[in-house]
């Protein structure tokens, strides 16, 4: 009788512990989901448990109407190539965290490790070109996203290499955007001089070079939209190299000759 009572008590106690464990696990999953959702709403989808030194990369797409047709398709193809090639690199896939924004559509791809990007979903989200050119606002939003990511890194003690930002445009900003272009151009160049960022400013197919020159200490680089594939191959090689050594993208003539109009 005593044995039966003991066994019943033991089973009941074990069942209670199992229920407590299940509840704890469910709560942990809910907390993680909430954290992921919160990060997603702020444009961040980073993995804080990833031990790789990070290589943050922001690509700001000009999706104004002047980029319609072949130019925007070339951008889409280039971004797909960039993601696919980096996913095939075991080191870069975990080190590079990519964010894609556009002038009119905002966040296309929140900051996410390359290995965790679903290429098909990304294809579906890439914008068509049809609207105005709020260049200053686009740069402001991209820089603010990058600042949030760096703050997250610092808060969790995550090591990082120099963040890179790519800014492309083929025209002039909207008239009410000039002041913001000047303001954020100053901020970008100041950060570059402090080695806090690397900026590649691309003047596409006759863009306003006086404006685009403001977004990099090296000035803008002229590029034909037909060479976006070559450009994103260059970005892929640069990110792969940086993920291993921390060396930033080189804009020396011999390194960019296959895509830049020198």
Protein backbone atom coordinates (compact mmCIF):
# COMPACT_ATOMS: atom_id res chain seq x y z
CA UNK A 1 0.00 0.00 0.00
CA UNK A 2 2.77 2.41 0.99
CA UNK A 3 4.62 1.51 -2.21
CA UNK A 4 1.53 2.27 -4.29
CA UNK A 5 1.06 5.65 -2.57
CA UNK A 6 4.74 6.49 -3.05
CA UNK A 7 4.58 5.54 -6.73
CA UNK A 8 1.43 7.61 -7.26
CA UNK A 9 3.04 10.60 -5.51
CA UNK A 10 6.22 10.24 -7.56
CA UNK A 11 4.29 10.05 -10.85
CA UNK A 12 2.21 13.10 -9.93
CA UNK A 13 5.32 15.06 -8.97
CA UNK A 14 7.03 14.08 -12.22
CA UNK A 15 3.99 15.12 -14.23
CA UNK A 16 3.91 18.51 -12.49
CA UNK A 17 7.60 19.05 -13.29
CA UNK A 18 6.95 18.09 -16.91
CA UNK A 19 4.10 20.62 -17.11
CA UNK A 20 6.32 23.30 -15.53
CA UNK A 21 9.05 22.53 -18.06
CA UNK A 22 6.61 22.74 -20.96
CA UNK A 23 5.24 26.06 -19.66
CA UNK A 24 8.77 27.42 -19.27
CA UNK A 25 9.63 26.36 -22.82
CA UNK A 26 6.46 27.95 -24.21
CA UNK A 27 7.18 31.19 -22.34
CA UNK A 28 10.74 31.20 -23.70
CA UNK A 29 9.44 30.71 -27.26
CA UNK A 30 6.92 33.53 -26.77
CA UNK A 31 9.64 35.83 -25.42
CA UNK A 32 11.90 35.01 -28.38
CA UNK A 33 9.02 35.60 -30.80
CA UNK A 34 8.28 38.96 -29.18
CA UNK A 35 11.97 39.89 -29.39
CA UNK A 36 12.10 38.88 -33.05
CA UNK A 37 8.93 40.87 -33.77
CA UNK A 38 10.30 43.92 -31.96
CA UNK A 39 13.56 43.72 -33.89
CA UNK A 40 11.62 43.27 -37.13
CA UNK A 41 9.54 46.36 -36.48
CA UNK A 42 12.74 48.38 -36.08
CA UNK A 43 14.40 46.97 -39.19
CA UNK A 44 16.63 44.55 -37.23
CA UNK A 45 16.56 40.77 -37.51
CA UNK A 46 20.04 39.98 -36.27
CA UNK A 47 21.05 36.84 -34.38
CA UNK A 48 22.68 37.94 -31.11
CA UNK A 49 24.00 34.40 -30.49
CA UNK A 50 26.00 34.34 -33.72
CA UNK A 51 29.70 34.51 -32.75
CA UNK A 52 30.97 35.79 -36.10
CA UNK A 53 32.37 39.32 -36.31
CA UNK A 54 29.69 41.17 -38.25
CA UNK A 55 29.91 43.02 -41.56
CA UNK A 56 26.88 45.34 -41.77
CA UNK A 57 25.85 46.36 -45.30
CA UNK A 58 23.07 48.75 -46.32
CA UNK A 59 21.98 49.05 -49.96
CA UNK A 60 19.78 52.06 -50.73
CA UNK A 61 17.94 51.60 -54.04
CA UNK A 62 16.67 54.45 -56.17
CA UNK A 63 13.20 53.27 -57.17
CA UNK A 64 12.09 56.56 -58.71
CA UNK A 65 10.35 56.51 -62.09
CA UNK A 66 13.54 57.35 -63.99
CA UNK A 67 14.93 53.93 -62.96
CA UNK A 68 12.02 52.05 -64.55
CA UNK A 69 12.61 49.29 -67.05
CA UNK A 70 16.03 47.80 -67.52
CA UNK A 71 17.89 49.82 -64.80
CA UNK A 72 15.71 48.58 -61.92
CA UNK A 73 15.77 45.03 -63.33
CA UNK A 74 19.57 45.20 -63.36
CA UNK A 75 19.50 46.26 -59.70
CA UNK A 76 17.20 43.33 -58.83
CA UNK A 77 19.46 40.85 -60.65
CA UNK A 78 22.53 42.32 -58.95
CA UNK A 79 21.06 42.04 -55.46
CA UNK A 80 19.98 38.45 -56.09
CA UNK A 81 23.50 37.63 -57.28
CA UNK A 82 24.96 39.32 -54.18
CA UNK A 83 22.82 37.32 -51.76
CA UNK A 84 23.25 34.03 -53.61
CA UNK A 85 27.02 34.29 -53.87
CA UNK A 86 27.46 35.28 -50.22
CA UNK A 87 25.20 32.43 -49.11
CA UNK A 88 27.66 30.07 -50.82
CA UNK A 89 30.48 31.49 -48.68
CA UNK A 90 30.45 29.72 -45.29
CA UNK A 91 32.14 32.62 -43.50
CA UNK A 92 30.44 35.58 -45.19
CA UNK A 93 27.01 33.94 -44.87
CA UNK A 94 27.21 34.33 -41.08
CA UNK A 95 29.26 37.54 -40.96
CA UNK A 96 27.47 39.81 -43.44
CA UNK A 97 24.18 41.33 -42.29
CA UNK A 98 22.30 42.92 -45.17
CA UNK A 99 19.68 45.65 -45.15
CA UNK A 100 17.98 46.82 -48.34
CA UNK A 101 16.02 50.05 -48.40
CA UNK A 102 14.54 52.13 -51.19
CA UNK A 103 13.66 55.78 -51.63
CA UNK A 104 9.92 55.17 -51.91
CA UNK A 105 9.25 51.76 -50.35
CA UNK A 106 11.28 52.09 -47.17
CA UNK A 107 12.64 48.86 -45.68
CA UNK A 108 12.72 46.08 -48.28
CA UNK A 109 14.92 43.69 -46.31
CA UNK A 110 15.56 44.37 -42.63
CA UNK A 111 19.08 43.79 -41.29
CA UNK A 112 19.39 40.01 -41.53
CA UNK A 113 22.34 37.58 -41.66
CA UNK A 114 22.86 36.50 -45.25
CA UNK A 115 22.32 32.82 -44.39
CA UNK A 116 18.85 33.65 -43.06
CA UNK A 117 17.58 35.54 -46.13
CA UNK A 118 14.94 33.75 -48.18
CA UNK A 119 15.89 34.64 -51.75
CA UNK A 120 12.45 33.98 -53.21
CA UNK A 121 10.74 36.20 -50.63
CA UNK A 122 13.36 38.88 -51.26
CA UNK A 123 12.68 38.74 -55.01
CA UNK A 124 9.00 39.28 -54.35
CA UNK A 125 9.71 42.33 -52.16
CA UNK A 126 12.13 44.15 -54.47
CA UNK A 127 10.43 47.36 -55.64
CA UNK A 128 9.43 48.51 -59.09
CA UNK A 129 10.48 52.01 -60.15
CA UNK A 130 7.61 54.43 -60.14
CA UNK A 131 7.61 57.58 -58.04
CA UNK A 132 9.61 60.63 -56.95
CA UNK A 133 13.18 60.92 -55.61
CA UNK A 134 13.19 61.54 -51.82
CA UNK A 135 16.94 60.95 -51.67
CA UNK A 136 17.60 62.79 -48.41
CA UNK A 137 14.85 60.93 -46.58
CA UNK A 138 16.08 57.60 -47.94
CA UNK A 139 19.62 58.26 -46.71
CA UNK A 140 18.38 59.49 -43.33
CA UNK A 141 16.30 56.34 -42.80
CA UNK A 142 19.17 54.07 -43.87
CA UNK A 143 21.65 55.74 -41.54
CA UNK A 144 19.19 55.54 -38.64
CA UNK A 145 18.72 51.81 -39.24
CA UNK A 146 22.47 51.34 -39.26
CA UNK A 147 22.79 53.29 -36.00
CA UNK A 148 20.20 51.03 -34.36
CA UNK A 149 22.11 47.93 -35.47
CA UNK A 150 25.43 49.27 -34.16
CA UNK A 151 23.74 50.17 -30.87
CA UNK A 152 22.44 46.59 -30.64
CA UNK A 153 25.93 45.23 -31.32
CA UNK A 154 27.42 47.42 -28.61
CA UNK A 155 24.73 46.49 -26.11
CA UNK A 156 25.39 42.77 -26.58
CA UNK A 157 29.16 42.99 -27.01
CA UNK A 158 29.06 41.86 -30.65
CA UNK A 159 32.23 42.57 -32.62
CA UNK A 160 31.88 44.28 -35.99
CA UNK A 161 33.91 45.42 -38.96
CA UNK A 162 33.39 48.83 -40.54
CA UNK A 163 29.78 49.15 -41.76
CA UNK A 164 29.27 49.78 -45.49
CA UNK A 165 26.50 51.75 -47.15
CA UNK A 166 25.73 51.86 -50.88
CA UNK A 167 23.78 54.87 -52.13
CA UNK A 168 22.61 54.91 -55.74
CA UNK A 169 20.64 57.44 -57.75
CA UNK A 170 20.21 58.31 -61.42
CA UNK A 171 18.68 61.75 -61.06
CA UNK A 172 18.20 64.79 -58.87
CA UNK A 173 16.54 64.68 -55.45
CA UNK A 174 13.13 66.26 -55.00
CA UNK A 175 13.40 70.01 -54.42
CA UNK A 176 12.44 69.73 -50.74
CA UNK A 177 15.11 67.06 -50.14
CA UNK A 178 18.24 69.12 -50.88
CA UNK A 179 18.73 70.36 -47.32
CA UNK A 180 18.56 66.80 -45.98
CA UNK A 181 21.03 65.62 -48.61
CA UNK A 182 23.49 68.26 -47.45
CA UNK A 183 22.91 67.44 -43.76
CA UNK A 184 23.39 63.70 -44.14
CA UNK A 185 26.17 64.11 -46.65
CA UNK A 186 28.10 65.99 -43.96
CA UNK A 187 27.37 63.25 -41.42
CA UNK A 188 28.49 60.46 -43.74
CA UNK A 189 31.76 62.14 -44.67
CA UNK A 190 32.49 62.91 -41.02
CA UNK A 191 31.95 59.26 -40.10
CA UNK A 192 34.14 58.13 -42.98
CA UNK A 193 36.94 60.35 -41.76
CA UNK A 194 36.56 58.69 -38.35
CA UNK A 195 36.64 55.21 -39.97
CA UNK A 196 33.12 54.53 -38.69
CA UNK A 197 31.59 53.84 -42.10
CA UNK A 198 32.50 53.17 -45.72
CA UNK A 199 30.19 54.82 -48.25
CA UNK A 200 29.95 53.98 -51.95
CA UNK A 201 28.01 56.69 -53.76
CA UNK A 202 26.93 55.67 -57.26
CA UNK A 203 25.94 58.27 -59.85
CA UNK A 204 23.85 56.22 -62.29
CA UNK A 205 23.26 57.20 -65.92
CA UNK A 206 23.60 60.97 -65.66
CA UNK A 207 22.76 61.57 -62.01
CA UNK A 208 23.40 64.93 -60.33
CA UNK A 209 27.08 64.40 -59.52
CA UNK A 210 27.29 67.52 -57.34
CA UNK A 211 24.73 65.94 -55.04
CA UNK A 212 26.11 62.39 -55.19
CA UNK A 213 29.65 63.63 -54.46
CA UNK A 214 28.45 64.68 -51.02
CA UNK A 215 27.86 61.11 -49.86
CA UNK A 216 31.46 59.93 -49.79
CA UNK A 217 34.85 61.42 -48.94
CA UNK A 218 36.04 59.88 -52.22
CA UNK A 219 33.23 61.49 -54.20
CA UNK A 220 30.76 59.56 -56.30
CA UNK A 221 31.57 56.84 -58.81
CA UNK A 222 29.91 56.99 -62.23
CA UNK A 223 28.25 53.78 -63.36
CA UNK A 224 26.06 52.66 -66.26
CA UNK A 225 22.98 50.78 -65.09
CA UNK A 226 23.95 48.01 -67.50
CA UNK A 227 26.94 47.26 -65.24
CA UNK A 228 25.06 46.69 -61.99
CA UNK A 229 25.78 42.97 -62.17
CA UNK A 230 29.52 43.69 -62.30
CA UNK A 231 29.15 46.11 -59.42
CA UNK A 232 27.37 43.63 -57.16
CA UNK A 233 29.99 41.01 -58.00
CA UNK A 234 32.53 43.53 -56.72
CA UNK A 235 30.46 44.03 -53.54
CA UNK A 236 30.24 40.28 -53.02
CA UNK A 237 34.03 39.87 -53.33
CA UNK A 238 34.58 42.83 -51.00
CA UNK A 239 32.22 41.49 -48.32
CA UNK A 240 33.74 38.01 -48.53
CA UNK A 241 37.20 39.46 -48.05
CA UNK A 242 36.09 41.69 -45.17
CA UNK A 243 34.39 38.80 -43.38
CA UNK A 244 37.79 37.13 -43.13
CA UNK A 245 40.20 40.00 -42.62
CA UNK A 246 38.25 43.18 -41.87
CA UNK A 247 39.66 44.90 -44.97
CA UNK A 248 37.14 47.43 -46.31
CA UNK A 249 36.03 47.71 -49.94
CA UNK A 250 38.71 49.24 -52.15
CA UNK A 251 37.76 51.88 -54.72
CA UNK A 252 41.16 52.02 -56.38
CA UNK A 253 40.92 52.22 -60.17
CA UNK A 254 42.25 48.72 -60.73
CA UNK A 255 39.61 47.30 -58.38
CA UNK A 256 36.56 49.00 -59.94
CA UNK A 257 37.56 49.16 -63.60
CA UNK A 258 35.11 46.42 -64.69
CA UNK A 259 32.05 48.36 -63.56
CA UNK A 260 32.88 52.04 -63.05
CA UNK A 261 33.02 54.73 -65.74
CA UNK A 262 36.50 56.06 -65.04
